[in-house]
Amino acid sequence: DVMRRWRRKRARLSARLAESQQYTCSWCAQPLAANLAGTHVDHIIPMTCGGPDVDWNLQLLHDRCNLSKSVKITLQAVALAAEHGMQIHSR
């Protein structure tokens, strides 16, 4: 089933991101739930601004933090874009 494979892939990605972030939300610096409930995978450089859908541009945030961040261009996004030699497009 395609949906089941997608969910498993997303769960593995979320677990990998949580591990690399030491189970801490990159937006609010508060702990993520051990079971990762209530989390969203976020594009640091928003895709609407030219951010790629690749691992180095992903982070795990609480769902409420991801909604708060929305498509904001953060200092982290600017630094990441510079590191990868790309420009951020305005919306």
N, C-alpha and C. Protein backbone atom coordinates (compact mmCIF):
# COMPACT_ATOMS: atom_id res chain seq x y z
N ASP A 1 0.84 -1.18 0.00
CA ASP A 1 0.00 0.00 0.00
C ASP A 1 0.89 1.25 0.00
N VAL A 2 0.62 2.15 -0.90
CA VAL A 2 1.44 3.36 -1.08
C VAL A 2 1.41 4.23 0.17
N MET A 3 0.25 4.44 0.74
CA MET A 3 0.11 5.29 1.92
C MET A 3 0.89 4.72 3.11
N ARG A 4 0.84 3.42 3.28
CA ARG A 4 1.55 2.79 4.40
C ARG A 4 3.06 2.96 4.24
N ARG A 5 3.56 2.79 3.01
CA ARG A 5 5.00 2.98 2.75
C ARG A 5 5.40 4.43 3.01
N TRP A 6 4.55 5.38 2.59
CA TRP A 6 4.84 6.79 2.80
C TRP A 6 4.90 7.10 4.30
N ARG A 7 3.95 6.56 5.07
CA ARG A 7 3.94 6.79 6.52
C ARG A 7 5.18 6.22 7.19
N ARG A 8 5.61 5.03 6.77
CA ARG A 8 6.81 4.42 7.34
C ARG A 8 8.04 5.26 7.00
N LYS A 9 8.12 5.72 5.76
CA LYS A 9 9.24 6.55 5.34
C LYS A 9 9.28 7.84 6.14
N ARG A 10 8.11 8.48 6.33
CA ARG A 10 8.03 9.72 7.09
C ARG A 10 8.39 9.48 8.55
N ALA A 11 7.97 8.36 9.11
CA ALA A 11 8.30 8.03 10.51
C ALA A 11 9.80 7.84 10.68
N ARG A 12 10.45 7.18 9.71
CA ARG A 12 11.91 7.00 9.78
C ARG A 12 12.62 8.35 9.67
N LEU A 13 12.15 9.22 8.78
CA LEU A 13 12.73 10.54 8.62
C LEU A 13 12.56 11.34 9.92
N SER A 14 11.37 11.34 10.49
CA SER A 14 11.12 12.07 11.74
C SER A 14 12.03 11.57 12.85
N ALA A 15 12.18 10.26 12.96
CA ALA A 15 13.05 9.69 13.99
C ALA A 15 14.50 10.11 13.79
N ARG A 16 14.95 10.11 12.55
CA ARG A 16 16.33 10.52 12.24
C ARG A 16 16.54 12.00 12.58
N LEU A 17 15.58 12.85 12.21
CA LEU A 17 15.68 14.27 12.52
C LEU A 17 15.66 14.50 14.04
N ALA A 18 14.75 13.83 14.73
CA ALA A 18 14.65 13.99 16.19
C ALA A 18 15.97 13.60 16.86
N GLU A 19 16.54 12.51 16.40
CA GLU A 19 17.82 12.05 16.95
C GLU A 19 18.91 13.10 16.72
N SER A 20 18.99 13.62 15.51
CA SER A 20 20.04 14.60 15.20
C SER A 20 19.83 15.91 15.96
N GLN A 21 18.59 16.22 16.33
CA GLN A 21 18.26 17.43 17.08
C GLN A 21 18.21 17.15 18.58
N GLN A 22 18.61 15.96 18.99
CA GLN A 22 18.56 15.55 20.39
C GLN A 22 17.16 15.73 20.99
N TYR A 23 16.15 15.40 20.19
CA TYR A 23 14.74 15.46 20.61
C TYR A 23 14.36 16.83 21.16
N THR A 24 14.87 17.87 20.48
CA THR A 24 14.56 19.25 20.85
C THR A 24 14.00 19.98 19.64
N CYS A 25 12.92 20.71 19.83
CA CYS A 25 12.32 21.49 18.74
C CYS A 25 13.27 22.63 18.38
N SER A 26 13.58 22.75 17.11
CA SER A 26 14.49 23.80 16.64
C SER A 26 13.88 25.20 16.72
N TRP A 27 12.59 25.30 16.87
CA TRP A 27 11.92 26.61 16.90
C TRP A 27 11.82 27.15 18.32
N CYS A 28 11.34 26.32 19.26
CA CYS A 28 11.10 26.80 20.63
C CYS A 28 12.11 26.27 21.65
N ALA A 29 12.96 25.35 21.23
CA ALA A 29 14.00 24.75 22.08
C ALA A 29 13.43 23.90 23.22
N GLN A 30 12.16 23.53 23.13
CA GLN A 30 11.54 22.66 24.12
C GLN A 30 11.63 21.21 23.63
N PRO A 31 11.55 20.25 24.54
CA PRO A 31 11.66 18.84 24.14
C PRO A 31 10.52 18.40 23.22
N LEU A 32 10.85 17.51 22.30
CA LEU A 32 9.85 16.84 21.47
C LEU A 32 9.36 15.62 22.22
N ALA A 33 8.14 15.21 21.98
CA ALA A 33 7.60 14.00 22.61
C ALA A 33 8.43 12.80 22.19
N ALA A 34 8.67 11.90 23.11
CA ALA A 34 9.47 10.70 22.82
C ALA A 34 8.89 9.90 21.66
N ASN A 35 7.56 9.88 21.54
CA ASN A 35 6.93 9.15 20.44
C ASN A 35 6.73 10.02 19.20
N LEU A 36 7.21 11.27 19.27
CA LEU A 36 7.15 12.25 18.18
C LEU A 36 5.74 12.67 17.80
N ALA A 37 4.78 12.38 18.68
CA ALA A 37 3.41 12.84 18.43
C ALA A 37 3.40 14.36 18.43
N GLY A 38 2.59 14.94 17.57
CA GLY A 38 2.44 16.39 17.53
C GLY A 38 3.64 17.10 16.92
N THR A 39 4.33 16.42 16.01
CA THR A 39 5.48 17.05 15.35
C THR A 39 5.25 17.13 13.84
N HIS A 40 5.93 18.07 13.21
CA HIS A 40 5.89 18.23 11.75
C HIS A 40 7.30 18.31 11.23
N VAL A 41 7.52 17.76 10.04
CA VAL A 41 8.78 17.96 9.34
C VAL A 41 8.66 19.31 8.63
N ASP A 42 9.64 20.18 8.86
CA ASP A 42 9.62 21.54 8.34
C ASP A 42 10.79 21.75 7.39
N HIS A 43 10.55 22.53 6.35
CA HIS A 43 11.63 22.95 5.46
C HIS A 43 12.22 24.24 6.03
N ILE A 44 13.49 24.22 6.39
CA ILE A 44 14.15 25.39 6.97
C ILE A 44 14.07 26.55 5.99
N ILE A 45 14.48 26.32 4.75
CA ILE A 45 14.26 27.27 3.67
C ILE A 45 12.94 26.83 3.04
N PRO A 46 11.88 27.60 3.22
CA PRO A 46 10.58 27.15 2.71
C PRO A 46 10.62 26.82 1.21
N MET A 47 9.92 25.79 0.83
CA MET A 47 9.87 25.41 -0.58
C MET A 47 9.29 26.54 -1.43
N THR A 48 8.37 27.32 -0.87
CA THR A 48 7.79 28.43 -1.62
C THR A 48 8.80 29.53 -1.91
N CYS A 49 9.94 29.47 -1.23
CA CYS A 49 11.02 30.46 -1.43
C CYS A 49 12.22 29.82 -2.12
N GLY A 50 12.02 28.66 -2.71
CA GLY A 50 13.08 27.99 -3.45
C GLY A 50 13.84 26.94 -2.66
N GLY A 51 13.40 26.65 -1.46
CA GLY A 51 14.07 25.64 -0.63
C GLY A 51 13.87 24.24 -1.20
N PRO A 52 14.94 23.46 -1.24
CA PRO A 52 14.83 22.10 -1.78
C PRO A 52 14.24 21.12 -0.77
N ASP A 53 13.70 20.06 -1.27
CA ASP A 53 13.13 19.00 -0.44
C ASP A 53 14.20 17.93 -0.24
N VAL A 54 15.24 18.31 0.51
CA VAL A 54 16.37 17.41 0.79
C VAL A 54 16.65 17.42 2.29
N ASP A 55 17.33 16.37 2.75
CA ASP A 55 17.54 16.21 4.19
C ASP A 55 18.19 17.41 4.86
N TRP A 56 19.19 18.04 4.23
CA TRP A 56 19.89 19.15 4.89
C TRP A 56 18.99 20.37 5.08
N ASN A 57 17.83 20.39 4.45
CA ASN A 57 16.90 21.51 4.58
C ASN A 57 15.69 21.15 5.45
N LEU A 58 15.78 20.08 6.21
CA LEU A 58 14.65 19.63 7.01
C LEU A 58 14.97 19.69 8.50
N GLN A 59 13.94 19.97 9.27
CA GLN A 59 14.04 19.92 10.73
C GLN A 59 12.69 19.46 11.27
N LEU A 60 12.70 19.01 12.50
CA LEU A 60 11.46 18.55 13.13
C LEU A 60 11.02 19.59 14.17
N LEU A 61 9.79 20.05 14.04
CA LEU A 61 9.23 21.04 14.94
C LEU A 61 7.93 20.52 15.55
N HIS A 62 7.57 21.08 16.71
CA HIS A 62 6.22 20.84 17.22
C HIS A 62 5.25 21.35 16.15
N ASP A 63 4.09 20.74 16.05
CA ASP A 63 3.14 21.19 15.04
C ASP A 63 2.77 22.66 15.23
N ARG A 64 2.58 23.09 16.47
CA ARG A 64 2.23 24.50 16.73
C ARG A 64 3.39 25.43 16.34
N CYS A 65 4.63 24.98 16.53
CA CYS A 65 5.79 25.79 16.16
C CYS A 65 5.91 25.89 14.64
N ASN A 66 5.62 24.79 13.96
CA ASN A 66 5.67 24.81 12.50
C ASN A 66 4.61 25.77 11.95
N LEU A 67 3.44 25.78 12.55
CA LEU A 67 2.39 26.70 12.11
C LEU A 67 2.79 28.14 12.40
N SER A 68 3.47 28.37 13.50
CA SER A 68 3.95 29.71 13.84
C SER A 68 5.06 30.16 12.89
N LYS A 69 5.96 29.26 12.56
CA LYS A 69 7.07 29.58 11.65
C LYS A 69 6.54 29.84 10.25
N SER A 70 5.62 29.03 9.81
CA SER A 70 5.02 29.16 8.49
C SER A 70 6.09 29.25 7.42
N VAL A 71 6.10 30.31 6.63
CA VAL A 71 7.10 30.46 5.56
C VAL A 71 8.08 31.59 5.87
N LYS A 72 8.28 31.85 7.16
CA LYS A 72 9.23 32.88 7.56
C LYS A 72 10.64 32.51 7.12
N ILE A 73 11.40 33.52 6.72
CA ILE A 73 12.81 33.34 6.39
C ILE A 73 13.59 33.67 7.66
N THR A 74 14.19 32.68 8.25
CA THR A 74 14.93 32.84 9.50
C THR A 74 16.41 33.05 9.21
N LEU A 75 17.14 33.46 10.23
CA LEU A 75 18.60 33.57 10.09
C LEU A 75 19.21 32.21 9.76
N GLN A 76 18.65 31.16 10.33
CA GLN A 76 19.10 29.80 10.03
C GLN A 76 18.92 29.49 8.54
N ALA A 77 17.80 29.91 7.96
CA ALA A 77 17.54 29.68 6.53
C ALA A 77 18.53 30.46 5.67
N VAL A 78 18.81 31.69 6.05
CA VAL A 78 19.76 32.52 5.29
C VAL A 78 21.14 31.89 5.33
N ALA A 79 21.57 31.46 6.52
CA ALA A 79 22.89 30.83 6.66
C ALA A 79 22.96 29.52 5.88
N LEU A 80 21.90 28.74 5.94
CA LEU A 80 21.87 27.46 5.23
C LEU A 80 21.91 27.66 3.72
N ALA A 81 21.20 28.66 3.23
CA ALA A 81 21.21 28.97 1.80
C ALA A 81 22.62 29.38 1.38
N ALA A 82 23.26 30.22 2.17
CA ALA A 82 24.63 30.65 1.85
C ALA A 82 25.59 29.47 1.85
N GLU A 83 25.44 28.60 2.82
CA GLU A 83 26.29 27.41 2.93
C GLU A 83 26.18 26.52 1.69
N HIS A 84 25.01 26.48 1.09
CA HIS A 84 24.76 25.62 -0.06
C HIS A 84 24.75 26.40 -1.39
N GLY A 85 25.18 27.65 -1.32
CA GLY A 85 25.33 28.45 -2.53
C GLY A 85 24.03 28.72 -3.26
N MET A 86 22.97 28.93 -2.54
CA MET A 86 21.69 29.19 -3.19
C MET A 86 21.11 30.50 -2.70
N GLN A 87 20.22 31.05 -3.49
CA GLN A 87 19.52 32.26 -3.12
C GLN A 87 18.10 31.92 -2.72
N ILE A 88 17.61 32.67 -1.74
CA ILE A 88 16.23 32.50 -1.30
C ILE A 88 15.37 33.45 -2.12
N HIS A 89 14.32 32.92 -2.72
CA HIS A 89 13.39 33.73 -3.52
C HIS A 89 12.31 34.28 -2.60
N SER A 90 11.95 35.52 -2.80
CA SER A 90 10.84 36.07 -2.01
C SER A 90 9.53 35.53 -2.58
N ARG A 91 8.55 35.45 -1.72
CA ARG A 91 7.25 34.89 -2.12
C ARG A 91 6.50 35.82 -2.96
